[in-house]
Amino acid sequence: MGADRPKQYLSLAGRPVLARTLARLHEALPEARLCLCLDPDDAHFNPTWVPFADWRRAPGGAERVDSVVRALEAIAPEAAEDDLVLVHDVARPCVTVEDLTRLVAALADDAVGGLLAAPVADTMKRDDGAGRVRATESRAGLWHALTPQGFRFGLLRRALAEALARGVTVTDEASAVEAVGLAPRLVAGRRDNLKITHPEDLALAELVLSAQQRAAQATSSTFEAPPCGANRA
C-alpha cells in the first residue's frame, strides 16, 4: 500500500478498515465469539473498535496460515470439535450481512464446510514467464475465493496441521481442506466483497460501502406504514 501503517488501519470513510470490518461482522453475527489475530508489537490497534462482547486477541504469524493456526490454538480449550469456525480477512470490509448469514445457513449441516466465492467473469490469461500471453484459459468452472471461509474446528485444525507437515502451500483454509481429500462447498457471494490490497482499492471500497448504504436505505423506505389503528404484524 505504500502507507505509514498496515492497511487494516488506513481510513475508510472516516473509520479504520479493521473497525468497519468488525462492525459488519457483528451486525450479522452479534452472538459470535471473536479471536482477532494481531502482531504482538502492533501499536495501532484500539480495543474500542471491537463491538463483540466475547473476544480475545491472539498473536498473528508471518503468513495467514500461521495466524489461523495460532487462533485455533487460542480457542482450543473451549471449542468443540464440530463448532463452526469462520475465518475472515479484515481487509474485506465490504462483505454484506446477507452473504454472511447465507454462508452460515449453507454450512449449518455441511460436514465439510465451505467458503464465499464468486464465479470468474473475466477472460483468464496464463503468462509465459516473460510478460507475454502463453494461453487463454477457460473460465468455465472457475471461482474467485473470498472470505469468510467456514469449517468445523476439529477438521480445520487437523487439515492445517497435516498440510503444513507435508509442505503443502496453504493459500487459504479451503486449500488445506482440499489437501486432505475433501471438497469444500462454494457459496455464491457478491463481487463487491473486495480485498483492499492496492491504494486505489480504498477509494473503490468507499464507493461500495456508500452504494450498499444507499441500497439499504432505499429498501427500508419502500414499506408503507399501516393506517392508524390497523393491526401490525
Protein backbone atom coordinates (compact mmCIF):
# COMPACT_ATOMS: atom_id res chain seq x y z
CA MET A 1 0.00 0.00 0.00
CA GLY A 2 2.97 2.32 0.45
CA ALA A 3 1.42 3.68 3.66
CA ASP A 4 2.85 4.50 7.07
CA ARG A 5 0.79 1.80 8.77
CA PRO A 6 -0.73 -1.61 8.00
CA LYS A 7 -3.65 -1.43 5.58
CA GLN A 8 -6.19 -2.51 8.19
CA TYR A 9 -5.60 0.80 9.98
CA LEU A 10 -5.98 3.07 6.97
CA SER A 11 -9.02 5.33 6.99
CA LEU A 12 -12.06 4.14 5.07
CA ALA A 13 -14.92 6.66 5.04
CA GLY A 14 -13.70 8.11 8.32
CA ARG A 15 -13.01 4.88 10.22
CA PRO A 16 -10.16 2.34 10.16
CA VAL A 17 -10.67 -0.56 7.77
CA LEU A 18 -10.49 -3.01 10.68
CA ALA A 19 -13.21 -1.19 12.61
CA ARG A 20 -15.54 -1.23 9.61
CA THR A 21 -14.95 -4.93 9.01
CA LEU A 22 -15.62 -5.85 12.62
CA ALA A 23 -18.77 -3.74 12.66
CA ARG A 24 -20.09 -5.57 9.58
CA LEU A 25 -19.32 -8.99 11.08
CA HIS A 26 -21.00 -8.04 14.35
CA GLU A 27 -24.09 -6.80 12.53
CA ALA A 28 -24.55 -10.25 11.00
CA LEU A 29 -23.29 -12.41 13.87
CA PRO A 30 -23.67 -10.49 17.14
CA GLU A 31 -23.51 -13.59 19.34
CA ALA A 32 -20.31 -14.94 17.79
CA ARG A 33 -17.06 -15.14 19.73
CA LEU A 34 -14.17 -13.32 18.08
CA CYS A 35 -10.48 -14.18 18.02
CA LEU A 36 -8.54 -11.29 16.50
CA CYS A 37 -5.04 -12.07 15.20
CA LEU A 38 -2.67 -9.13 15.60
CA ASP A 39 1.07 -8.63 15.62
CA PRO A 40 2.28 -8.71 19.24
CA ASP A 41 4.02 -5.36 18.67
CA ASP A 42 1.02 -3.75 16.99
CA ALA A 43 0.81 -0.18 18.33
CA HIS A 44 -2.10 0.97 16.12
CA PHE A 45 -4.89 -1.25 17.45
CA ASN A 46 -7.61 0.27 19.62
CA PRO A 47 -9.83 -2.22 21.52
CA THR A 48 -12.75 0.23 21.40
CA TRP A 49 -13.14 -0.72 17.73
CA VAL A 50 -14.27 -4.23 18.72
CA PRO A 51 -18.08 -4.47 19.04
CA PHE A 52 -18.16 -8.12 20.15
CA ALA A 53 -18.90 -8.81 23.81
CA ASP A 54 -16.84 -12.02 23.83
CA TRP A 55 -13.48 -11.57 22.12
CA ARG A 56 -9.81 -12.20 22.56
CA ARG A 57 -6.56 -11.28 20.92
CA ALA A 58 -4.11 -13.84 19.56
CA PRO A 59 -0.62 -13.20 18.16
CA GLY A 60 -0.54 -13.14 14.38
CA GLY A 61 2.04 -15.09 12.40
CA ALA A 62 4.25 -14.44 9.40
CA GLU A 63 1.65 -15.82 6.97
CA ARG A 64 -2.12 -16.13 7.00
CA VAL A 65 -1.94 -19.83 7.77
CA ASP A 66 0.28 -19.17 10.79
CA SER A 67 -2.21 -16.66 12.19
CA VAL A 68 -5.11 -19.06 11.73
CA VAL A 69 -3.21 -21.89 13.44
CA ARG A 70 -2.49 -19.62 16.41
CA ALA A 71 -6.10 -18.50 16.60
CA LEU A 72 -7.29 -22.12 16.66
CA GLU A 73 -4.80 -22.85 19.44
CA ALA A 74 -6.15 -19.88 21.40
CA ILE A 75 -9.76 -21.09 21.26
CA ALA A 76 -8.96 -24.80 21.64
CA PRO A 77 -9.68 -25.00 25.39
CA GLU A 78 -13.33 -24.11 24.86
CA ALA A 79 -14.06 -25.08 21.24
CA ALA A 80 -15.91 -28.27 20.41
CA GLU A 81 -14.74 -30.43 17.51
CA ASP A 82 -17.86 -29.65 15.46
CA ASP A 83 -18.05 -25.90 16.20
CA LEU A 84 -18.24 -23.86 13.01
CA VAL A 85 -15.24 -21.51 12.74
CA LEU A 86 -15.31 -18.67 10.23
CA VAL A 87 -12.04 -17.13 9.04
CA HIS A 88 -12.34 -13.64 7.57
CA ASP A 89 -9.74 -11.24 6.21
CA VAL A 90 -10.09 -7.86 7.93
CA ALA A 91 -9.04 -6.28 4.64
CA ARG A 92 -12.50 -7.23 3.29
CA PRO A 93 -14.76 -4.59 4.91
CA CYS A 94 -17.48 -4.74 2.23
CA VAL A 95 -18.79 -8.25 2.92
CA THR A 96 -22.55 -7.95 3.30
CA VAL A 97 -24.74 -9.10 6.15
CA GLU A 98 -26.78 -11.10 3.64
CA ASP A 99 -23.72 -13.01 2.40
CA LEU A 100 -22.59 -13.72 5.95
CA THR A 101 -25.94 -15.08 7.06
CA ARG A 102 -26.34 -17.10 3.84
CA LEU A 103 -22.89 -18.67 4.33
CA VAL A 104 -23.66 -19.70 7.91
CA ALA A 105 -27.01 -21.15 6.85
CA ALA A 106 -25.45 -23.08 3.95
CA LEU A 107 -22.81 -24.61 6.23
CA ALA A 108 -25.10 -25.40 9.16
CA ASP A 109 -25.46 -29.06 8.19
CA ASP A 110 -22.40 -29.41 5.96
CA ALA A 111 -19.85 -31.85 7.36
CA VAL A 112 -17.00 -30.41 5.28
CA GLY A 113 -17.57 -26.64 5.27
CA GLY A 114 -17.10 -24.08 2.55
CA LEU A 115 -16.46 -20.51 1.51
CA LEU A 116 -17.94 -17.46 -0.09
CA ALA A 117 -16.86 -17.34 -3.73
CA ALA A 118 -17.76 -15.60 -6.98
CA PRO A 119 -17.72 -17.15 -10.48
CA VAL A 120 -14.92 -15.78 -12.66
CA ALA A 121 -16.33 -13.30 -15.17
CA ASP A 122 -13.15 -12.07 -16.88
CA THR A 123 -11.14 -13.72 -19.62
CA MET A 124 -8.23 -15.52 -17.97
CA LYS A 125 -4.72 -15.43 -19.43
CA ARG A 126 -1.71 -17.54 -18.46
CA ASP A 127 1.67 -15.87 -18.97
CA ASP A 128 4.83 -17.41 -20.37
CA GLY A 129 7.05 -16.18 -17.56
CA ALA A 130 8.40 -13.35 -19.71
CA GLY A 131 5.45 -10.97 -19.67
CA ARG A 132 3.61 -12.36 -22.67
CA VAL A 133 0.49 -14.49 -23.04
CA ARG A 134 1.11 -18.20 -23.32
CA ALA A 135 -2.52 -19.27 -23.42
CA THR A 136 -6.11 -18.23 -22.76
CA GLU A 137 -7.59 -20.38 -20.04
CA SER A 138 -11.22 -21.46 -19.96
CA ARG A 139 -13.07 -19.71 -17.15
CA ALA A 140 -15.74 -22.41 -17.04
CA GLY A 141 -15.97 -23.70 -13.50
CA LEU A 142 -13.50 -21.14 -12.11
CA TRP A 143 -14.36 -19.16 -8.97
CA HIS A 144 -12.72 -16.32 -7.06
CA ALA A 145 -12.21 -17.47 -3.47
CA LEU A 146 -13.48 -14.89 -0.98
CA THR A 147 -13.86 -14.84 2.79
CA PRO A 148 -15.23 -15.78 5.23
CA GLN A 149 -14.35 -19.43 4.88
CA GLY A 150 -16.04 -21.72 7.38
CA PHE A 151 -15.08 -25.19 8.63
CA ARG A 152 -15.57 -27.33 11.72
CA PHE A 153 -12.95 -26.58 14.35
CA GLY A 154 -11.55 -30.11 14.56
CA LEU A 155 -11.42 -30.65 10.80
CA LEU A 156 -9.76 -27.31 10.09
CA ARG A 157 -7.16 -27.78 12.79
CA ARG A 158 -6.24 -31.25 11.53
CA ALA A 159 -6.21 -30.16 7.88
CA LEU A 160 -3.89 -27.22 8.55
CA ALA A 161 -1.53 -29.32 10.66
CA GLU A 162 -1.35 -32.06 8.04
CA ALA A 163 -0.85 -29.61 5.17
CA LEU A 164 1.98 -27.83 6.96
CA ALA A 165 3.62 -31.13 7.91
CA ARG A 166 3.55 -32.23 4.25
CA GLY A 167 4.88 -28.91 2.97
CA VAL A 168 1.65 -28.09 1.12
CA THR A 169 1.29 -24.44 0.16
CA VAL A 170 -1.73 -23.17 2.09
CA THR A 171 -3.11 -20.05 0.47
CA ASP A 172 -6.44 -20.25 2.28
CA GLU A 173 -8.29 -22.57 4.64
CA ALA A 174 -10.11 -24.29 1.78
CA SER A 175 -6.81 -25.30 0.18
CA ALA A 176 -5.81 -27.13 3.36
CA VAL A 177 -9.14 -28.96 3.49
CA GLU A 178 -8.79 -29.83 -0.20
CA ALA A 179 -5.32 -31.25 0.50
CA VAL A 180 -6.84 -33.90 2.80
CA GLY A 181 -9.17 -35.04 0.03
CA LEU A 182 -12.34 -33.13 0.87
CA ALA A 183 -14.37 -30.78 -1.33
CA PRO A 184 -15.50 -27.53 0.35
CA ARG A 185 -18.85 -26.07 -0.63
CA LEU A 186 -18.86 -22.98 -2.86
CA VAL A 187 -21.40 -20.45 -1.62
CA ALA A 188 -22.04 -17.72 -4.18
CA GLY A 189 -21.18 -14.29 -2.79
CA ARG A 190 -21.28 -10.73 -4.05
CA ARG A 191 -18.47 -9.49 -6.24
CA ASP A 192 -18.16 -6.29 -4.21
CA ASN A 193 -16.66 -8.26 -1.30
CA LEU A 194 -13.32 -6.86 -2.39
CA LYS A 195 -9.98 -7.18 -0.64
CA ILE A 196 -8.06 -3.97 -0.03
CA THR A 197 -4.63 -4.64 -1.47
CA HIS A 198 -3.66 -1.64 -3.61
CA PRO A 199 -4.02 2.12 -2.90
CA GLU A 200 -6.90 2.51 -5.36
CA ASP A 201 -8.84 -0.20 -3.51
CA LEU A 202 -9.58 2.22 -0.65
CA ALA A 203 -11.46 4.59 -2.93
CA LEU A 204 -13.29 1.68 -4.54
CA ALA A 205 -14.26 0.24 -1.14
CA GLU A 206 -15.62 3.63 -0.09
CA LEU A 207 -17.81 3.71 -3.19
CA VAL A 208 -19.01 0.17 -2.49
CA LEU A 209 -19.91 0.98 1.12
CA SER A 210 -21.74 4.11 0.02
CA ALA A 211 -23.70 2.19 -2.61
CA GLN A 212 -24.57 -0.55 -0.11
CA GLN A 213 -25.82 2.05 2.37
CA ARG A 214 -27.98 3.74 -0.26
CA ALA A 215 -29.46 0.39 -1.28
CA ALA A 216 -30.26 -0.47 2.33
CA GLN A 217 -31.91 2.90 2.88
CA ALA A 218 -33.95 2.52 -0.30
CA THR A 219 -35.14 -0.90 0.81
CA SER A 220 -36.14 0.30 4.26
CA SER A 221 -38.08 3.23 2.79
CA THR A 222 -40.27 1.12 0.50
CA PHE A 223 -42.51 -0.22 3.27
CA GLU A 224 -45.83 1.56 3.52
CA ALA A 225 -46.92 2.44 7.03
CA PRO A 226 -50.25 0.84 8.02
CA PRO A 227 -53.22 3.17 8.53
CA CYS A 228 -53.83 4.40 12.02
CA GLY A 229 -55.48 1.67 14.10
CA ALA A 230 -54.54 -1.15 11.72
CA ASN A 231 -53.10 -4.40 13.05
CA ARG A 232 -49.32 -4.62 12.93
CA ALA A 233 -47.59 -7.91 12.26
